[in-house]
Amino acid sequence: MPTSKTQKIINDITAQIESGKLAPGDQLPSTAELRAQYGVSVTVVRGAVNWLKAKGLVEGHPGLGVFVTEE
């Protein structure tokens, strides 16, 4: 099970995608930006992003970033 910090990031980003605040093709903030925003470690941010990738909500593009998947 994800930790509570990881789950908060997952919940927040999922809600932003569902509400349309983050649209398909939009880039997520960088790992450093998410770390600063949530006050968490790189490990927590990576765990949340990996979970979102596994669920198909976002996809990573090496050297470019992580983006909301096209529906």
PDB file of N, CA and C in Angstrom:
ATOM      1  N   MET A   1       0.842  -1.194   0.000  1.00  0.00           N
ATOM      2  CA  MET A   1       0.000   0.000   0.000  1.00  0.00           C
ATOM      3  C   MET A   1       0.880   1.247   0.000  1.00  0.00           C
ATOM      4  N   PRO A   2       0.466   2.254  -0.747  1.00  0.00           N
ATOM      5  CA  PRO A   2       1.233   3.496  -0.738  1.00  0.00           C
ATOM      6  C   PRO A   2       1.189   4.161   0.631  1.00  0.00           C
ATOM      7  N   THR A   3       2.243   4.909   0.936  1.00  0.00           N
ATOM      8  CA  THR A   3       2.250   5.656   2.189  1.00  0.00           C
ATOM      9  C   THR A   3       1.253   6.792   2.085  1.00  0.00           C
ATOM     10  N   SER A   4       0.936   7.413   3.203  1.00  0.00           N
ATOM     11  CA  SER A   4      -0.035   8.505   3.179  1.00  0.00           C
ATOM     12  C   SER A   4       0.471   9.690   2.358  1.00  0.00           C
ATOM     13  N   LYS A   5       1.762   9.964   2.399  1.00  0.00           N
ATOM     14  CA  LYS A   5       2.314  11.067   1.600  1.00  0.00           C
ATOM     15  C   LYS A   5       2.219  10.739   0.120  1.00  0.00           C
ATOM     16  N   THR A   6       2.550   9.514  -0.222  1.00  0.00           N
ATOM     17  CA  THR A   6       2.440   9.086  -1.617  1.00  0.00           C
ATOM     18  C   THR A   6       0.986   9.154  -2.065  1.00  0.00           C
ATOM     19  N   GLN A   7       0.083   8.674  -1.222  1.00  0.00           N
ATOM     20  CA  GLN A   7      -1.337   8.652  -1.575  1.00  0.00           C
ATOM     21  C   GLN A   7      -1.879  10.063  -1.764  1.00  0.00           C
ATOM     22  N   LYS A   8      -1.413  11.024  -0.987  1.00  0.00           N
ATOM     23  CA  LYS A   8      -1.874  12.410  -1.133  1.00  0.00           C
ATOM     24  C   LYS A   8      -1.511  12.943  -2.515  1.00  0.00           C
ATOM     25  N   ILE A   9      -0.292  12.678  -2.966  1.00  0.00           N
ATOM     26  CA  ILE A   9       0.128  13.134  -4.290  1.00  0.00           C
ATOM     27  C   ILE A   9      -0.707  12.440  -5.363  1.00  0.00           C
ATOM     28  N   ILE A  10      -0.887  11.133  -5.215  1.00  0.00           N
ATOM     29  CA  ILE A  10      -1.707  10.373  -6.167  1.00  0.00           C
ATOM     30  C   ILE A  10      -3.117  10.968  -6.234  1.00  0.00           C
ATOM     31  N   ASN A  11      -3.715  11.190  -5.075  1.00  0.00           N
ATOM     32  CA  ASN A  11      -5.083  11.728  -5.023  1.00  0.00           C
ATOM     33  C   ASN A  11      -5.166  13.113  -5.652  1.00  0.00           C
ATOM     34  N   ASP A  12      -4.197  13.979  -5.333  1.00  0.00           N
ATOM     35  CA  ASP A  12      -4.208  15.345  -5.864  1.00  0.00           C
ATOM     36  C   ASP A  12      -4.071  15.349  -7.382  1.00  0.00           C
ATOM     37  N   ILE A  13      -3.116  14.607  -7.907  1.00  0.00           N
ATOM     38  CA  ILE A  13      -2.906  14.610  -9.355  1.00  0.00           C
ATOM     39  C   ILE A  13      -4.079  13.951 -10.069  1.00  0.00           C
ATOM     40  N   THR A  14      -4.598  12.863  -9.513  1.00  0.00           N
ATOM     41  CA  THR A  14      -5.768  12.206 -10.105  1.00  0.00           C
ATOM     42  C   THR A  14      -6.949  13.173 -10.154  1.00  0.00           C
ATOM     43  N   ALA A  15      -7.173  13.912  -9.072  1.00  0.00           N
ATOM     44  CA  ALA A  15      -8.278  14.884  -9.030  1.00  0.00           C
ATOM     45  C   ALA A  15      -8.086  15.986 -10.067  1.00  0.00           C
ATOM     46  N   GLN A  16      -6.845  16.434 -10.250  1.00  0.00           N
ATOM     47  CA  GLN A  16      -6.571  17.469 -11.254  1.00  0.00           C
ATOM     48  C   GLN A  16      -6.831  16.955 -12.667  1.00  0.00           C
ATOM     49  N   ILE A  17      -6.518  15.689 -12.904  1.00  0.00           N
ATOM     50  CA  ILE A  17      -6.782  15.091 -14.219  1.00  0.00           C
ATOM     51  C   ILE A  17      -8.290  14.948 -14.428  1.00  0.00           C
ATOM     52  N   GLU A  18      -8.990  14.433 -13.419  1.00  0.00           N
ATOM     53  CA  GLU A  18     -10.434  14.208 -13.538  1.00  0.00           C
ATOM     54  C   GLU A  18     -11.208  15.516 -13.688  1.00  0.00           C
ATOM     55  N   SER A  19     -10.730  16.592 -13.051  1.00  0.00           N
ATOM     56  CA  SER A  19     -11.427  17.875 -13.118  1.00  0.00           C
ATOM     57  C   SER A  19     -11.112  18.655 -14.393  1.00  0.00           C
ATOM     58  N   GLY A  20     -10.077  18.217 -15.119  1.00  0.00           N
ATOM     59  CA  GLY A  20      -9.684  18.923 -16.325  1.00  0.00           C
ATOM     60  C   GLY A  20      -8.625  19.977 -16.101  1.00  0.00           C
ATOM     61  N   LYS A  21      -8.229  20.171 -14.843  1.00  0.00           N
ATOM     62  CA  LYS A  21      -7.155  21.138 -14.566  1.00  0.00           C
ATOM     63  C   LYS A  21      -5.867  20.691 -15.265  1.00  0.00           C
ATOM     64  N   LEU A  22      -5.635  19.386 -15.276  1.00  0.00           N
ATOM     65  CA  LEU A  22      -4.549  18.798 -16.068  1.00  0.00           C
ATOM     66  C   LEU A  22      -5.209  18.047 -17.218  1.00  0.00           C
ATOM     67  N   ALA A  23      -5.015  18.545 -18.423  1.00  0.00           N
ATOM     68  CA  ALA A  23      -5.642  17.961 -19.605  1.00  0.00           C
ATOM     69  C   ALA A  23      -4.691  16.968 -20.272  1.00  0.00           C
ATOM     70  N   PRO A  24      -5.233  16.088 -21.123  1.00  0.00           N
ATOM     71  CA  PRO A  24      -4.362  15.182 -21.870  1.00  0.00           C
ATOM     72  C   PRO A  24      -3.272  15.958 -22.605  1.00  0.00           C
ATOM     73  N   GLY A  25      -2.047  15.476 -22.447  1.00  0.00           N
ATOM     74  CA  GLY A  25      -0.905  16.137 -23.063  1.00  0.00           C
ATOM     75  C   GLY A  25      -0.201  17.137 -22.162  1.00  0.00           C
ATOM     76  N   ASP A  26      -0.848  17.535 -21.063  1.00  0.00           N
ATOM     77  CA  ASP A  26      -0.220  18.465 -20.127  1.00  0.00           C
ATOM     78  C   ASP A  26       0.933  17.787 -19.399  1.00  0.00           C
ATOM     79  N   GLN A  27       1.968  18.558 -19.113  1.00  0.00           N
ATOM     80  CA  GLN A  27       3.129  18.040 -18.396  1.00  0.00           C
ATOM     81  C   GLN A  27       2.939  18.217 -16.900  1.00  0.00           C
ATOM     82  N   LEU A  28       3.284  17.177 -16.144  1.00  0.00           N
ATOM     83  CA  LEU A  28       3.276  17.279 -14.690  1.00  0.00           C
ATOM     84  C   LEU A  28       4.465  18.123 -14.250  1.00  0.00           C
ATOM     85  N   PRO A  29       4.372  18.733 -13.077  1.00  0.00           N
ATOM     86  CA  PRO A  29       5.544  19.436 -12.536  1.00  0.00           C
ATOM     87  C   PRO A  29       6.715  18.460 -12.406  1.00  0.00           C
ATOM     88  N   SER A  30       7.920  18.996 -12.406  1.00  0.00           N
ATOM     89  CA  SER A  30       9.112  18.163 -12.268  1.00  0.00           C
ATOM     90  C   SER A  30       9.153  17.509 -10.896  1.00  0.00           C
ATOM     91  N   THR A  31      10.007  16.510 -10.766  1.00  0.00           N
ATOM     92  CA  THR A  31      10.196  15.854  -9.468  1.00  0.00           C
ATOM     93  C   THR A  31      10.588  16.880  -8.416  1.00  0.00           C
ATOM     94  N   ALA A  32      11.503  17.789  -8.757  1.00  0.00           N
ATOM     95  CA  ALA A  32      11.943  18.811  -7.804  1.00  0.00           C
ATOM     96  C   ALA A  32      10.784  19.724  -7.395  1.00  0.00           C
ATOM     97  N   GLU A  33       9.939  20.090  -8.354  1.00  0.00           N
ATOM     98  CA  GLU A  33       8.788  20.950  -8.048  1.00  0.00           C
ATOM     99  C   GLU A  33       7.789  20.220  -7.155  1.00  0.00           C
ATOM    100  N   LEU A  34       7.534  18.941  -7.457  1.00  0.00           N
ATOM    101  CA  LEU A  34       6.615  18.171  -6.615  1.00  0.00           C
ATOM    102  C   LEU A  34       7.179  17.973  -5.212  1.00  0.00           C
ATOM    103  N   ARG A  35       8.482  17.732  -5.122  1.00  0.00           N
ATOM    104  CA  ARG A  35       9.126  17.604  -3.804  1.00  0.00           C
ATOM    105  C   ARG A  35       8.902  18.867  -2.988  1.00  0.00           C
ATOM    106  N   ALA A  36       9.127  20.023  -3.597  1.00  0.00           N
ATOM    107  CA  ALA A  36       8.970  21.298  -2.897  1.00  0.00           C
ATOM    108  C   ALA A  36       7.501  21.550  -2.537  1.00  0.00           C
ATOM    109  N   GLN A  37       6.602  21.246  -3.457  1.00  0.00           N
ATOM    110  CA  GLN A  37       5.178  21.488  -3.238  1.00  0.00           C
ATOM    111  C   GLN A  37       4.632  20.664  -2.072  1.00  0.00           C
ATOM    112  N   TYR A  38       5.041  19.402  -1.992  1.00  0.00           N
ATOM    113  CA  TYR A  38       4.497  18.502  -0.982  1.00  0.00           C
ATOM    114  C   TYR A  38       5.416  18.302   0.217  1.00  0.00           C
ATOM    115  N   GLY A  39       6.644  18.799   0.128  1.00  0.00           N
ATOM    116  CA  GLY A  39       7.580  18.638   1.245  1.00  0.00           C
ATOM    117  C   GLY A  39       7.959  17.187   1.491  1.00  0.00           C
ATOM    118  N   VAL A  40       8.209  16.460   0.409  1.00  0.00           N
ATOM    119  CA  VAL A  40       8.502  15.031   0.518  1.00  0.00           C
ATOM    120  C   VAL A  40       9.816  14.708  -0.178  1.00  0.00           C
ATOM    121  N   SER A  41      10.240  13.459  -0.062  1.00  0.00           N
ATOM    122  CA  SER A  41      11.496  13.005  -0.674  1.00  0.00           C
ATOM    123  C   SER A  41      11.281  12.620  -2.138  1.00  0.00           C
ATOM    124  N   VAL A  42      12.381  12.467  -2.838  1.00  0.00           N
ATOM    125  CA  VAL A  42      12.350  11.995  -4.228  1.00  0.00           C
ATOM    126  C   VAL A  42      11.663  10.637  -4.297  1.00  0.00           C
ATOM    127  N   THR A  43      11.933   9.784  -3.328  1.00  0.00           N
ATOM    128  CA  THR A  43      11.350   8.438  -3.310  1.00  0.00           C
ATOM    129  C   THR A  43       9.826   8.492  -3.277  1.00  0.00           C
ATOM    130  N   VAL A  44       9.270   9.393  -2.486  1.00  0.00           N
ATOM    131  CA  VAL A  44       7.811   9.531  -2.383  1.00  0.00           C
ATOM    132  C   VAL A  44       7.240  10.006  -3.715  1.00  0.00           C
ATOM    133  N   VAL A  45       7.863  11.013  -4.315  1.00  0.00           N
ATOM    134  CA  VAL A  45       7.385  11.530  -5.602  1.00  0.00           C
ATOM    135  C   VAL A  45       7.460  10.444  -6.670  1.00  0.00           C
ATOM    136  N   ARG A  46       8.566   9.741  -6.737  1.00  0.00           N
ATOM    137  CA  ARG A  46       8.714   8.680  -7.735  1.00  0.00           C
ATOM    138  C   ARG A  46       7.681   7.582  -7.534  1.00  0.00           C
ATOM    139  N   GLY A  47       7.415   7.236  -6.282  1.00  0.00           N
ATOM    140  CA  GLY A  47       6.402   6.225  -5.999  1.00  0.00           C
ATOM    141  C   GLY A  47       5.034   6.638  -6.506  1.00  0.00           C
ATOM    142  N   ALA A  48       4.688   7.893  -6.284  1.00  0.00           N
ATOM    143  CA  ALA A  48       3.384   8.394  -6.742  1.00  0.00           C
ATOM    144  C   ALA A  48       3.315   8.411  -8.264  1.00  0.00           C
ATOM    145  N   VAL A  49       4.359   8.917  -8.907  1.00  0.00           N
ATOM    146  CA  VAL A  49       4.373   8.994 -10.371  1.00  0.00           C
ATOM    147  C   VAL A  49       4.357   7.593 -10.981  1.00  0.00           C
ATOM    148  N   ASN A  50       5.101   6.671 -10.389  1.00  0.00           N
ATOM    149  CA  ASN A  50       5.094   5.293 -10.898  1.00  0.00           C
ATOM    150  C   ASN A  50       3.713   4.663 -10.781  1.00  0.00           C
ATOM    151  N   TRP A  51       2.998   4.950  -9.704  1.00  0.00           N
ATOM    152  CA  TRP A  51       1.647   4.425  -9.532  1.00  0.00           C
ATOM    153  C   TRP A  51       0.732   5.003 -10.612  1.00  0.00           C
ATOM    154  N   LEU A  52       0.837   6.314 -10.851  1.00  0.00           N
ATOM    155  CA  LEU A  52       0.020   6.962 -11.874  1.00  0.00           C
ATOM    156  C   LEU A  52       0.334   6.396 -13.266  1.00  0.00           C
ATOM    157  N   LYS A  53       1.608   6.092 -13.505  1.00  0.00           N
ATOM    158  CA  LYS A  53       1.999   5.466 -14.780  1.00  0.00           C
ATOM    159  C   LYS A  53       1.379   4.081 -14.892  1.00  0.00           C
ATOM    160  N   ALA A  54       1.448   3.306 -13.815  1.00  0.00           N
ATOM    161  CA  ALA A  54       0.911   1.938 -13.823  1.00  0.00           C
ATOM    162  C   ALA A  54      -0.592   1.937 -14.088  1.00  0.00           C
ATOM    163  N   LYS A  55      -1.285   2.969 -13.645  1.00  0.00           N
ATOM    164  CA  LYS A  55      -2.728   3.071 -13.855  1.00  0.00           C
ATOM    165  C   LYS A  55      -3.073   3.683 -15.206  1.00  0.00           C
ATOM    166  N   GLY A  56      -2.050   4.098 -15.953  1.00  0.00           N
ATOM    167  CA  GLY A  56      -2.287   4.636 -17.285  1.00  0.00           C
ATOM    168  C   GLY A  56      -2.736   6.084 -17.313  1.00  0.00           C
ATOM    169  N   LEU A  57      -2.624   6.780 -16.198  1.00  0.00           N
ATOM    170  CA  LEU A  57      -3.049   8.186 -16.151  1.00  0.00           C
ATOM    171  C   LEU A  57      -1.997   9.127 -16.721  1.00  0.00           C
ATOM    172  N   VAL A  58      -0.737   8.742 -16.583  1.00  0.00           N
ATOM    173  CA  VAL A  58       0.364   9.556 -17.101  1.00  0.00           C
ATOM    174  C   VAL A  58       1.363   8.639 -17.788  1.00  0.00           C
ATOM    175  N   GLU A  59       2.231   9.251 -18.611  1.00  0.00           N
ATOM    176  CA  GLU A  59       3.292   8.488 -19.268  1.00  0.00           C
ATOM    177  C   GLU A  59       4.557   9.328 -19.281  1.00  0.00           C
ATOM    178  N   GLY A  60       5.677   8.647 -19.094  1.00  0.00           N
ATOM    179  CA  GLY A  60       6.959   9.329 -19.079  1.00  0.00           C
ATOM    180  C   GLY A  60       7.603   9.323 -20.451  1.00  0.00           C
ATOM    181  N   HIS A  61       8.261  10.424 -20.765  1.00  0.00           N
ATOM    182  CA  HIS A  61       9.028  10.546 -22.005  1.00  0.00           C
ATOM    183  C   HIS A  61      10.444  10.936 -21.604  1.00  0.00           C
ATOM    184  N   PRO A  62      11.397  10.000 -21.702  1.00  0.00           N
ATOM    185  CA  PRO A  62      12.759  10.262 -21.256  1.00  0.00           C
ATOM    186  C   PRO A  62      13.319  11.569 -21.826  1.00  0.00           C
ATOM    187  N   GLY A  63      13.848  12.392 -20.941  1.00  0.00           N
ATOM    188  CA  GLY A  63      14.425  13.659 -21.327  1.00  0.00           C
ATOM    189  C   GLY A  63      13.425  14.788 -21.486  1.00  0.00           C
ATOM    190  N   LEU A  64      12.139  14.451 -21.456  1.00  0.00           N
ATOM    191  CA  LEU A  64      11.099  15.469 -21.643  1.00  0.00           C
ATOM    192  C   LEU A  64      10.263  15.688 -20.396  1.00  0.00           C
ATOM    193  N   GLY A  65       9.871  14.609 -19.731  1.00  0.00           N
ATOM    194  CA  GLY A  65       9.044  14.733 -18.535  1.00  0.00           C
ATOM    195  C   GLY A  65       7.923  13.710 -18.514  1.00  0.00           C
ATOM    196  N   VAL A  66       6.974  13.973 -17.640  1.00  0.00           N
ATOM    197  CA  VAL A  66       5.817  13.096 -17.467  1.00  0.00           C
ATOM    198  C   VAL A  66       4.584  13.871 -17.890  1.00  0.00           C
ATOM    199  N   PHE A  67       3.749  13.229 -18.709  1.00  0.00           N
ATOM    200  CA  PHE A  67       2.607  13.902 -19.291  1.00  0.00           C
ATOM    201  C   PHE A  67       1.318  13.118 -19.055  1.00  0.00           C
ATOM    202  N   VAL A  68       0.193  13.835 -18.969  1.00  0.00           N
ATOM    203  CA  VAL A  68      -1.106  13.193 -18.847  1.00  0.00           C
ATOM    204  C   VAL A  68      -1.375  12.461 -20.158  1.00  0.00           C
ATOM    205  N   THR A  69      -1.824  11.220 -20.058  1.00  0.00           N
ATOM    206  CA  THR A  69      -2.070  10.416 -21.257  1.00  0.00           C
ATOM    207  C   THR A  69      -3.264  10.949 -22.027  1.00  0.00           C
ATOM    208  N   GLU A  70      -3.220  10.719 -23.329  1.00  0.00           N
ATOM    209  CA  GLU A  70      -4.349  11.076 -24.195  1.00  0.00           C
ATOM    210  C   GLU A  70      -5.470  10.081 -23.932  1.00  0.00           C
ATOM    211  N   GLU A  71      -6.676  10.564 -23.888  1.00  0.00           N
ATOM    212  CA  GLU A  71      -7.804   9.680 -23.593  1.00  0.00           C
ATOM    213  C   GLU A  71      -8.300   8.981 -24.833  1.00  0.00           C
TER     214      GLU A  71
END
